[in-house]
Amino acid sequence: MRLTYKYRLKPTKPQIATFQTWLELARRQYNFRLGQRFDWYEATRTPVNACPLVVSIAPVEEIYKNIPLTRTVTKGKRKGETVSNIVEQGYVDWFSVQRADLKPTKTLFPEYKELDSQVLQDVIDRVEYAFSRFTKPDASGNRSGKPKFKGKHYYKSFTYTQLQHCDLTKDERGRDCINLKKIGLVPIVLHRPIPDGFEVKTGTVIREADGWHISLVLEDKDVPVTVAEIQPTEENSLGIDLGVENYVTLSTGETIQHPRFFRKSANKLAKLQKRLASKVKHSKPWRILKAKIAKLHQHIARQRLDWQFKLAYWLLGKCDVLFVEDLKLKNMIRRAKPKISNEGEWLPNNQAAKSGLNKSMLDAAHGQFVQVLKFVAWKFGKVVKEVDPRGTSQHCWNCFAGVAKQLSDRWHECQCGESLHRDDNSAKLIKKIGLICSIVGMVPASLKTALNLRIERSPRCTA
């Protein structure tokens, strides 16, 4: 089992200067290595209209000019063996090439000798991950966007990939400290102890608006990772509908109001940003205001996350199985589609209203809340099951009949006699769909599947 614990650091001024220097050197190395990947990627691509497609748009001699074709392994079981840097179809094993190039880098730029070798190697790991997600699809066939070069404010952490032997001790003043290689004893706030049997695997030093933190990955191989298996029933399950007007609506009829943490701090944030715009960029007053704005954003995010955890504990205290919508938030917060008349003129498309709705949805952070629910459920040995949200607001929970509604229609009226708020109807329908699909083990649960199962079991159903 693996856990991640985050602690606050209280570094001295010289240690803060070291942290900042390491971040800057790691950022430069990241940008340089990413640039190498882009140069190779652009040089070996061929336009779609070129023929044949396998021909490079750059001469082979130019492509391989600065890349050694072989290298000698210096560590491990294959030490001393000569291996090729070129893999199938002429592609370069960039991960190994850039890892091997770190040693010459320290010779050319002596300041990199101050960095721990693990920290420098992790930079290559980050480049590899970012670029592979861009060039290779995942199991679902999706790829990430093109990686970006990191500015000074966007590279905020460095990682010790092997921190097994870190010492959590006390210094001469009696403060709890963590021993980081090439930095020394750094004071740490141990607000909770490391569980017995767990050992530290990695440690990531993070710069945040209110100071420095360290995220420790802990592992205990003797503790199995278990997934609860609970058969949902009418009594032990609960359905919830996520929304903006009401943050959560339960299938029991209870509602939880949206706290709107960002909206409540919007005026204060606007005043600070207005003052920031009048200052000279990078001046001392500008930096002070920039720090205040960052701390306010951090405060809003922490408020929201703390409230979501408390709500998750409360919800999972009421049931053993929780059914929740599997929302496609990326699609829901897109801009409104443009409208064009037959004469080619632009028509109003209510983008202003859509922008306000998008801001409220981002303030609600439903995606983060679902992840919190899953973590708390795993911690308690309970289950969170996702239901396809398509049609859950357009059908009656009682008879499954279609009842078309616009977003502005907040009340559900059905021919079967059901009359209730649309969020209450959706929460009840989500629970009903989850229960029907769980009986036969259909995953993922959806309205379409539930309707088919209901019709198979009840041929005379009028739904």
Protein backbone atom coordinates (compact mmCIF):
# COMPACT_ATOMS: atom_id res chain seq x y z
CA MET A 1 0.00 0.00 0.00
CA ARG A 2 1.15 3.51 -0.78
CA LEU A 3 0.17 6.72 0.98
CA THR A 4 1.17 10.35 0.43
CA TYR A 5 1.65 12.64 3.41
CA LYS A 6 2.33 16.35 3.02
CA TYR A 7 4.24 18.32 5.65
CA ARG A 8 5.19 21.96 6.03
CA LEU A 9 8.88 22.86 5.99
CA LYS A 10 10.50 25.69 7.97
CA PRO A 11 13.79 26.16 6.10
CA THR A 12 16.40 28.73 7.07
CA LYS A 13 17.27 31.62 4.73
CA PRO A 14 20.35 29.84 3.30
CA GLN A 15 18.22 26.72 2.72
CA ILE A 16 15.54 28.79 0.96
CA ALA A 17 18.23 30.24 -1.30
CA THR A 18 19.39 26.69 -2.07
CA PHE A 19 15.83 25.59 -2.84
CA GLN A 20 15.35 28.51 -5.23
CA THR A 21 18.69 27.87 -6.95
CA TRP A 22 17.87 24.20 -7.43
CA LEU A 23 14.44 25.03 -8.87
CA GLU A 24 15.97 27.45 -11.37
CA LEU A 25 18.65 24.97 -12.48
CA ALA A 26 16.09 22.17 -12.77
CA ARG A 27 13.79 24.44 -14.79
CA ARG A 28 16.57 25.33 -17.23
CA GLN A 29 17.49 21.68 -17.64
CA TYR A 30 13.83 20.76 -18.21
CA ASN A 31 13.41 23.40 -20.93
CA PHE A 32 16.68 22.40 -22.63
CA ARG A 33 15.83 18.68 -22.67
CA LEU A 34 12.30 19.38 -23.87
CA GLY A 35 13.77 21.55 -26.64
CA GLN A 36 15.96 18.62 -27.72
CA ARG A 37 12.87 16.45 -28.01
CA PHE A 38 11.03 19.09 -30.05
CA ASP A 39 13.98 19.58 -32.41
CA TRP A 40 14.09 15.83 -33.09
CA TYR A 41 10.30 15.62 -33.37
CA GLU A 42 10.10 18.46 -35.91
CA ALA A 43 13.11 17.19 -37.87
CA THR A 44 11.75 13.67 -38.31
CA ARG A 45 8.15 14.53 -39.11
CA THR A 46 6.88 14.54 -42.69
CA PRO A 47 3.92 16.56 -44.00
CA VAL A 48 0.82 14.51 -44.73
CA ASN A 49 0.92 15.46 -48.41
CA ALA A 50 4.54 14.27 -48.81
CA CYS A 51 5.36 11.04 -50.60
CA PRO A 52 6.59 8.68 -49.32
CA LEU A 53 5.55 9.37 -45.73
CA VAL A 54 8.52 7.54 -44.20
CA VAL A 55 11.06 10.01 -45.64
CA SER A 56 12.45 12.56 -43.19
CA ILE A 57 12.29 16.26 -44.01
CA ALA A 58 15.86 16.72 -42.71
CA PRO A 59 19.08 15.00 -43.86
CA VAL A 60 20.01 11.93 -41.83
CA GLU A 61 23.48 13.37 -41.13
CA GLU A 62 21.90 16.47 -39.59
CA ILE A 63 19.50 14.48 -37.42
CA TYR A 64 22.20 12.28 -35.89
CA LYS A 65 24.87 15.00 -35.68
CA ASN A 66 24.87 15.39 -31.87
CA ILE A 67 23.55 11.94 -30.93
CA PRO A 68 26.02 9.12 -30.17
CA LEU A 69 24.87 5.90 -31.82
CA THR A 70 26.03 3.77 -28.86
CA ARG A 71 26.78 4.18 -25.17
CA THR A 72 28.48 2.14 -22.45
CA VAL A 73 26.39 1.09 -19.45
CA THR A 74 28.05 2.24 -16.22
CA LYS A 75 25.73 0.72 -13.58
CA GLY A 76 23.68 -2.39 -12.90
CA LYS A 77 24.01 -5.93 -14.16
CA ARG A 78 24.90 -4.75 -17.68
CA LYS A 79 27.82 -2.57 -16.50
CA GLY A 80 30.49 -2.26 -19.21
CA GLU A 81 28.18 -3.46 -21.97
CA THR A 82 27.82 -1.37 -25.13
CA VAL A 83 24.22 -0.72 -26.16
CA SER A 84 22.60 1.17 -29.02
CA ASN A 85 20.89 4.53 -28.60
CA ILE A 86 18.77 3.86 -31.69
CA VAL A 87 15.64 1.79 -31.28
CA GLU A 88 13.17 0.43 -33.85
CA GLN A 89 12.67 2.25 -37.16
CA GLY A 90 15.56 4.64 -36.49
CA TYR A 91 14.02 6.38 -33.49
CA VAL A 92 16.25 7.59 -30.67
CA ASP A 93 15.98 6.24 -27.12
CA TRP A 94 15.82 9.78 -25.80
CA PHE A 95 15.32 8.80 -22.17
CA SER A 96 18.61 6.88 -22.05
CA VAL A 97 20.47 9.43 -24.20
CA GLN A 98 19.48 12.35 -22.00
CA ARG A 99 20.16 10.43 -18.80
CA ALA A 100 23.67 9.59 -20.06
CA ASP A 101 24.20 13.24 -21.08
CA LEU A 102 23.82 14.48 -17.48
CA LYS A 103 27.45 13.68 -16.65
CA PRO A 104 28.89 15.86 -19.49
CA THR A 105 26.40 18.55 -18.46
CA LYS A 106 27.99 18.73 -14.99
CA THR A 107 31.40 19.12 -16.65
CA LEU A 108 30.24 21.96 -18.91
CA PHE A 109 28.17 23.67 -16.20
CA PRO A 110 29.79 23.10 -12.76
CA GLU A 111 26.80 24.64 -10.94
CA TYR A 112 24.86 21.43 -11.66
CA LYS A 113 27.28 19.52 -9.42
CA GLU A 114 25.52 21.20 -6.48
CA LEU A 115 22.28 19.37 -7.32
CA ASP A 116 21.69 15.89 -6.00
CA SER A 117 21.89 13.31 -8.78
CA GLN A 118 18.36 12.04 -8.02
CA VAL A 119 16.92 15.54 -8.44
CA LEU A 120 18.64 15.97 -11.80
CA GLN A 121 17.55 12.54 -13.04
CA ASP A 122 13.96 13.32 -12.06
CA VAL A 123 14.00 16.25 -14.50
CA ILE A 124 14.57 13.76 -17.34
CA ASP A 125 11.77 11.59 -15.95
CA ARG A 126 9.40 14.56 -16.10
CA VAL A 127 10.37 15.37 -19.68
CA GLU A 128 9.88 11.72 -20.65
CA TYR A 129 6.43 11.59 -19.08
CA ALA A 130 5.27 14.89 -20.63
CA PHE A 131 6.53 14.05 -24.10
CA SER A 132 5.31 10.45 -24.12
CA ARG A 133 1.80 11.61 -23.14
CA PHE A 134 1.97 13.97 -26.12
CA THR A 135 3.21 11.47 -28.70
CA LYS A 136 1.71 8.17 -27.49
CA PRO A 137 -1.99 7.57 -26.75
CA ASP A 138 -3.04 6.02 -23.46
CA ALA A 139 -5.21 2.92 -23.05
CA SER A 140 -8.29 4.94 -24.06
CA GLY A 141 -6.61 6.29 -27.18
CA ASN A 142 -6.32 9.84 -25.80
CA ARG A 143 -3.23 12.02 -25.89
CA SER A 144 -2.27 15.11 -23.88
CA GLY A 145 -1.55 18.48 -25.45
CA LYS A 146 1.87 19.69 -26.52
CA PRO A 147 4.16 20.17 -23.49
CA LYS A 148 5.05 23.77 -22.67
CA PHE A 149 8.34 25.30 -21.68
CA LYS A 150 8.27 26.24 -18.00
CA GLY A 151 8.52 29.86 -16.87
CA LYS A 152 10.01 30.80 -13.50
CA HIS A 153 6.64 30.73 -11.76
CA TYR A 154 5.56 27.39 -13.26
CA TYR A 155 8.34 25.07 -12.14
CA LYS A 156 7.64 24.73 -8.44
CA SER A 157 9.07 21.42 -7.22
CA PHE A 158 11.99 19.04 -7.29
CA THR A 159 11.99 15.38 -6.29
CA TYR A 160 14.26 12.99 -4.45
CA THR A 161 13.35 9.73 -6.16
CA GLN A 162 15.04 7.54 -3.50
CA LEU A 163 14.51 8.87 -0.02
CA GLN A 164 14.44 5.56 1.84
CA HIS A 165 17.19 6.49 4.25
CA CYS A 166 16.05 9.99 5.11
CA ASP A 167 16.45 10.78 8.80
CA LEU A 168 13.55 12.30 10.71
CA THR A 169 15.45 13.53 13.75
CA LYS A 170 15.67 16.50 16.09
CA ASP A 171 18.30 19.21 15.84
CA GLU A 172 20.20 20.85 18.70
CA ARG A 173 17.20 23.14 19.35
CA GLY A 174 14.81 20.20 19.68
CA ARG A 175 12.98 20.84 16.40
CA ASP A 176 11.81 18.00 14.15
CA CYS A 177 13.98 17.92 11.02
CA ILE A 178 14.31 15.94 7.82
CA ASN A 179 17.76 15.24 6.39
CA LEU A 180 17.89 16.08 2.65
CA LYS A 181 21.00 15.22 0.67
CA LYS A 182 23.30 18.17 -0.12
CA ILE A 183 21.00 20.47 1.88
CA GLY A 184 21.15 19.12 5.43
CA LEU A 185 18.65 19.15 8.26
CA VAL A 186 15.53 21.09 7.30
CA PRO A 187 12.98 21.85 10.07
CA ILE A 188 9.65 20.13 9.41
CA VAL A 189 6.22 20.37 11.06
CA LEU A 190 5.25 16.74 11.80
CA HIS A 191 1.56 17.38 12.36
CA ARG A 192 0.95 13.62 12.09
CA PRO A 193 3.39 10.73 12.55
CA ILE A 194 4.42 8.34 9.80
CA PRO A 195 2.43 5.09 10.31
CA ASP A 196 4.28 2.12 11.74
CA GLY A 197 5.61 -0.25 9.09
CA PHE A 198 5.63 2.37 6.33
CA GLU A 199 8.90 3.60 4.88
CA VAL A 200 9.58 6.74 2.87
CA LYS A 201 10.06 6.09 -0.86
CA THR A 202 10.23 9.53 -2.47
CA GLY A 203 10.07 13.14 -1.34
CA THR A 204 9.03 16.20 -3.38
CA VAL A 205 9.90 19.68 -2.14
CA ILE A 206 7.17 22.09 -3.27
CA ARG A 207 7.09 25.89 -3.33
CA GLU A 208 3.63 27.25 -2.53
CA ALA A 209 2.21 30.69 -1.88
CA ASP A 210 2.56 30.39 1.90
CA GLY A 211 6.01 28.75 1.98
CA TRP A 212 7.68 25.41 1.39
CA HIS A 213 6.23 21.92 1.80
CA ILE A 214 7.41 18.37 1.27
CA SER A 215 5.24 15.53 -0.04
CA LEU A 216 6.42 12.11 1.14
CA VAL A 217 5.34 8.90 -0.59
CA LEU A 218 5.12 6.10 1.98
CA GLU A 219 4.92 2.38 1.26
CA ASP A 220 4.27 -0.79 3.22
CA LYS A 221 4.33 -3.89 1.01
CA ASP A 222 2.81 -6.05 3.76
CA VAL A 223 -0.46 -4.10 3.71
CA PRO A 224 -2.63 -5.22 0.74
CA VAL A 225 -4.63 -2.75 -1.31
CA THR A 226 -8.22 -3.93 -0.97
CA VAL A 227 -11.32 -2.83 -2.85
CA ALA A 228 -14.62 -3.19 -1.04
CA GLU A 229 -17.31 -5.31 -2.68
CA ILE A 230 -20.74 -4.40 -1.39
CA GLN A 231 -24.00 -5.39 -3.06
CA PRO A 232 -26.17 -2.24 -3.16
CA THR A 233 -29.70 -2.43 -1.84
CA GLU A 234 -32.49 0.07 -1.32
CA GLU A 235 -31.50 0.47 2.33
CA ASN A 236 -27.69 0.73 2.15
CA SER A 237 -27.37 2.92 -0.96
CA LEU A 238 -27.80 6.59 -1.74
CA GLY A 239 -27.94 8.58 -4.98
CA ILE A 240 -26.73 12.15 -5.33
CA ASP A 241 -27.13 14.77 -8.04
CA LEU A 242 -24.35 17.33 -8.45
CA GLY A 243 -25.35 20.82 -9.45
CA VAL A 244 -24.70 24.55 -9.16
CA GLU A 245 -27.97 25.81 -7.66
CA ASN A 246 -27.76 23.05 -5.02
CA TYR A 247 -24.28 21.59 -4.68
CA VAL A 248 -25.58 18.14 -3.75
CA THR A 249 -29.13 16.81 -3.80
CA LEU A 250 -29.68 13.46 -2.10
CA SER A 251 -32.19 10.82 -3.17
CA THR A 252 -33.73 11.22 0.30
CA GLY A 253 -34.74 14.80 -0.58
CA GLU A 254 -32.02 16.56 1.44
CA THR A 255 -30.06 19.34 -0.24
CA ILE A 256 -26.63 20.89 0.41
CA GLN A 257 -26.20 24.47 -0.70
CA HIS A 258 -23.30 25.56 -2.87
CA PRO A 259 -20.79 27.44 -0.60
CA ARG A 260 -19.44 29.53 -3.54
CA PHE A 261 -16.04 30.17 -1.98
CA PHE A 262 -14.62 31.88 -5.07
CA ARG A 263 -17.68 34.08 -5.58
CA LYS A 264 -17.51 35.28 -1.97
CA SER A 265 -13.86 36.32 -2.39
CA ALA A 266 -14.27 37.73 -5.90
CA ASN A 267 -14.61 41.39 -4.78
CA LYS A 268 -11.49 41.22 -2.64
CA LEU A 269 -9.61 39.51 -5.43
CA ALA A 270 -10.75 42.14 -7.97
CA LYS A 271 -9.53 44.98 -5.74
CA LEU A 272 -6.11 43.38 -5.33
CA GLN A 273 -5.81 42.77 -9.07
CA LYS A 274 -6.82 46.38 -9.80
CA ARG A 275 -4.07 47.62 -7.48
CA LEU A 276 -1.61 45.18 -9.06
CA ALA A 277 -2.33 46.57 -12.54
CA SER A 278 -1.24 50.07 -11.41
CA LYS A 279 2.17 48.93 -10.11
CA VAL A 280 5.40 48.69 -12.05
CA LYS A 281 5.91 45.08 -13.05
CA HIS A 282 8.47 43.19 -10.92
CA SER A 283 8.84 46.13 -8.52
CA LYS A 284 8.72 45.47 -4.77
CA PRO A 285 5.08 46.69 -4.35
CA TRP A 286 4.12 44.54 -7.36
CA ARG A 287 5.71 41.44 -5.81
CA ILE A 288 3.98 42.08 -2.48
CA LEU A 289 0.56 42.32 -4.15
CA LYS A 290 1.33 39.28 -6.31
CA ALA A 291 2.04 37.28 -3.16
CA LYS A 292 -1.22 38.47 -1.56
CA ILE A 293 -3.24 37.40 -4.61
CA ALA A 294 -1.53 33.99 -4.65
CA LYS A 295 -2.26 33.47 -0.95
CA LEU A 296 -5.92 34.41 -1.46
CA HIS A 297 -6.26 31.86 -4.30
CA GLN A 298 -4.59 29.26 -2.08
CA HIS A 299 -6.98 30.09 0.77
CA ILE A 300 -10.00 29.65 -1.53
CA ALA A 301 -8.70 26.28 -2.79
CA ARG A 302 -8.04 25.04 0.75
CA GLN A 303 -11.47 26.21 1.93
CA ARG A 304 -13.10 24.27 -0.88
CA LEU A 305 -11.08 21.08 -0.35
CA ASP A 306 -11.65 21.10 3.43
CA TRP A 307 -15.41 21.55 2.95
CA GLN A 308 -15.51 18.77 0.34
CA PHE A 309 -13.79 16.32 2.69
CA LYS A 310 -16.24 17.14 5.49
CA LEU A 311 -19.17 16.69 3.12
CA ALA A 312 -17.75 13.37 1.86
CA TYR A 313 -17.42 12.04 5.42
CA TRP A 314 -21.02 13.08 6.13
CA LEU A 315 -22.41 11.48 2.95
CA LEU A 316 -20.57 8.17 3.37
CA GLY A 317 -21.65 8.05 7.00
CA LYS A 318 -25.23 7.74 5.74
CA CYS A 319 -24.72 4.82 3.34
CA ASP A 320 -22.44 1.99 2.20
CA VAL A 321 -22.86 2.51 -1.56
CA LEU A 322 -23.00 5.95 -3.13
CA PHE A 323 -24.17 6.49 -6.71
CA VAL A 324 -22.84 9.66 -8.37
CA GLU A 325 -22.89 11.09 -11.90
CA ASP A 326 -19.89 10.51 -14.16
CA LEU A 327 -19.84 14.08 -15.44
CA LYS A 328 -17.81 15.07 -18.51
CA LEU A 329 -16.79 18.42 -17.06
CA LYS A 330 -14.44 19.35 -19.90
CA ASN A 331 -17.39 19.34 -22.30
CA MET A 332 -19.71 21.12 -19.88
CA ILE A 333 -17.50 24.20 -19.42
CA ARG A 334 -16.84 24.88 -23.09
CA ARG A 335 -17.83 28.13 -24.75
CA ALA A 336 -21.29 28.45 -26.28
CA LYS A 337 -21.47 27.54 -29.95
CA PRO A 338 -21.56 30.56 -32.28
CA LYS A 339 -24.76 31.32 -34.17
CA ILE A 340 -24.79 32.72 -37.70
CA SER A 341 -27.81 33.92 -39.65
CA ASN A 342 -28.54 33.01 -43.27
CA GLU A 343 -27.10 36.40 -44.26
CA GLY A 344 -23.80 35.56 -42.54
CA GLU A 345 -24.31 37.85 -39.54
CA TRP A 346 -23.36 36.84 -36.01
CA LEU A 347 -26.33 36.26 -33.72
CA PRO A 348 -26.46 36.42 -29.90
CA ASN A 349 -25.53 33.05 -28.38
CA ASN A 350 -25.78 33.86 -24.65
CA GLN A 351 -22.03 33.52 -24.16
CA ALA A 352 -22.10 35.99 -21.24
CA ALA A 353 -24.53 33.78 -19.34
CA LYS A 354 -22.53 30.67 -20.27
CA SER A 355 -19.35 32.30 -18.93
CA GLY A 356 -21.03 32.92 -15.58
CA LEU A 357 -22.27 29.33 -15.47
CA ASN A 358 -18.79 28.03 -16.32
CA LYS A 359 -17.27 30.10 -13.52
CA SER A 360 -19.78 28.69 -11.02
CA MET A 361 -19.06 25.14 -12.18
CA LEU A 362 -15.32 25.64 -11.81
CA ASP A 363 -15.94 27.12 -8.37
CA ALA A 364 -17.91 23.99 -7.45
CA ALA A 365 -15.01 21.70 -8.54
CA HIS A 366 -17.23 18.64 -8.97
CA GLY A 367 -14.40 16.60 -10.48
CA GLN A 368 -12.26 17.13 -7.40
CA PHE A 369 -15.23 16.29 -5.17
CA VAL A 370 -15.78 12.94 -6.90
CA GLN A 371 -12.10 12.07 -6.34
CA VAL A 372 -12.47 13.01 -2.66
CA LEU A 373 -15.56 10.78 -2.42
CA LYS A 374 -13.65 7.83 -3.88
CA PHE A 375 -10.73 8.30 -1.48
CA VAL A 376 -12.96 8.57 1.61
CA ALA A 377 -14.98 5.54 0.45
CA TRP A 378 -11.78 3.50 0.05
CA LYS A 379 -10.66 4.63 3.50
CA PHE A 380 -13.95 3.52 5.10
CA GLY A 381 -14.27 0.31 3.08
CA LYS A 382 -17.29 1.59 1.19
CA VAL A 383 -18.10 1.99 -2.51
CA VAL A 384 -18.69 4.91 -4.87
CA LYS A 385 -20.23 3.90 -8.20
CA GLU A 386 -20.55 6.22 -11.19
CA VAL A 387 -23.67 6.45 -13.36
CA ASP A 388 -23.80 7.82 -16.89
CA PRO A 389 -25.53 11.23 -16.53
CA ARG A 390 -27.12 11.22 -20.00
CA GLY A 391 -30.89 11.51 -19.70
CA THR A 392 -31.01 11.68 -15.90
CA SER A 393 -32.55 15.17 -15.99
CA GLN A 394 -34.94 14.40 -18.86
CA HIS A 395 -36.73 11.30 -17.51
CA CYS A 396 -39.02 10.58 -14.59
CA TRP A 397 -37.57 8.52 -11.77
CA ASN A 398 -40.89 6.80 -11.09
CA CYS A 399 -42.02 5.67 -14.57
CA PHE A 400 -38.91 6.40 -16.70
CA ALA A 401 -41.05 8.46 -19.09
CA GLY A 402 -39.28 11.24 -20.99
CA VAL A 403 -40.02 14.77 -19.69
CA ALA A 404 -38.15 17.35 -21.79
CA LYS A 405 -36.78 20.35 -19.89
CA GLN A 406 -34.65 23.38 -20.62
CA LEU A 407 -31.87 24.36 -18.22
CA SER A 408 -34.08 27.14 -16.90
CA ASP A 409 -36.90 24.68 -16.06
CA ARG A 410 -36.32 23.84 -12.39
CA TRP A 411 -39.44 21.77 -11.71
CA HIS A 412 -40.28 18.23 -12.84
CA GLU A 413 -43.90 17.48 -13.76
CA CYS A 414 -44.71 14.01 -15.12
CA GLN A 415 -47.92 12.47 -16.48
CA CYS A 416 -47.66 9.74 -13.83
CA GLY A 417 -48.34 12.35 -11.13
CA GLU A 418 -44.78 12.97 -9.90
CA SER A 419 -44.17 16.64 -9.10
CA LEU A 420 -40.86 17.66 -7.50
CA HIS A 421 -37.72 19.70 -8.04
CA ARG A 422 -35.69 18.50 -11.02
CA ASP A 423 -32.59 17.89 -8.84
CA ASP A 424 -34.63 15.66 -6.49
CA ASN A 425 -35.89 13.73 -9.50
CA SER A 426 -32.36 13.31 -10.87
CA ALA A 427 -30.98 12.07 -7.54
CA LYS A 428 -33.75 9.47 -7.21
CA LEU A 429 -33.28 8.39 -10.84
CA ILE A 430 -29.51 8.04 -10.42
CA LYS A 431 -30.03 5.73 -7.45
CA LYS A 432 -32.65 3.70 -9.31
CA ILE A 433 -30.40 3.29 -12.37
CA GLY A 434 -27.50 2.25 -10.15
CA LEU A 435 -29.57 -0.34 -8.32
CA ILE A 436 -31.05 -1.86 -11.51
CA CYS A 437 -27.67 -2.13 -13.25
CA SER A 438 -25.89 -3.44 -10.15
CA ILE A 439 -28.24 -6.41 -9.84
CA VAL A 440 -26.99 -7.83 -13.14
CA GLY A 441 -23.47 -6.41 -12.83
CA MET A 442 -23.75 -3.98 -15.77
CA VAL A 443 -20.84 -1.51 -15.82
CA PRO A 444 -21.02 1.35 -16.50
CA ALA A 445 -24.56 1.99 -15.31
CA SER A 446 -26.68 4.09 -17.66
CA LEU A 447 -30.31 5.06 -18.26
CA LYS A 448 -30.35 3.17 -21.56
CA THR A 449 -29.19 -0.06 -19.90
CA ALA A 450 -31.68 0.36 -17.05
CA LEU A 451 -34.53 0.91 -19.51
CA ASN A 452 -33.62 -2.22 -21.47
CA LEU A 453 -33.40 -4.32 -18.33
CA ARG A 454 -36.71 -2.95 -17.10
CA ILE A 455 -38.43 -3.70 -20.40
CA GLU A 456 -37.01 -7.26 -20.46
CA ARG A 457 -38.33 -7.91 -16.97
CA SER A 458 -41.65 -6.17 -17.53
CA PRO A 459 -42.86 -6.53 -21.18
CA ARG A 460 -45.99 -4.48 -20.56
CA CYS A 461 -44.06 -1.47 -19.25
CA THR A 462 -45.29 1.73 -20.89
CA ALA A 463 -42.03 3.60 -20.44
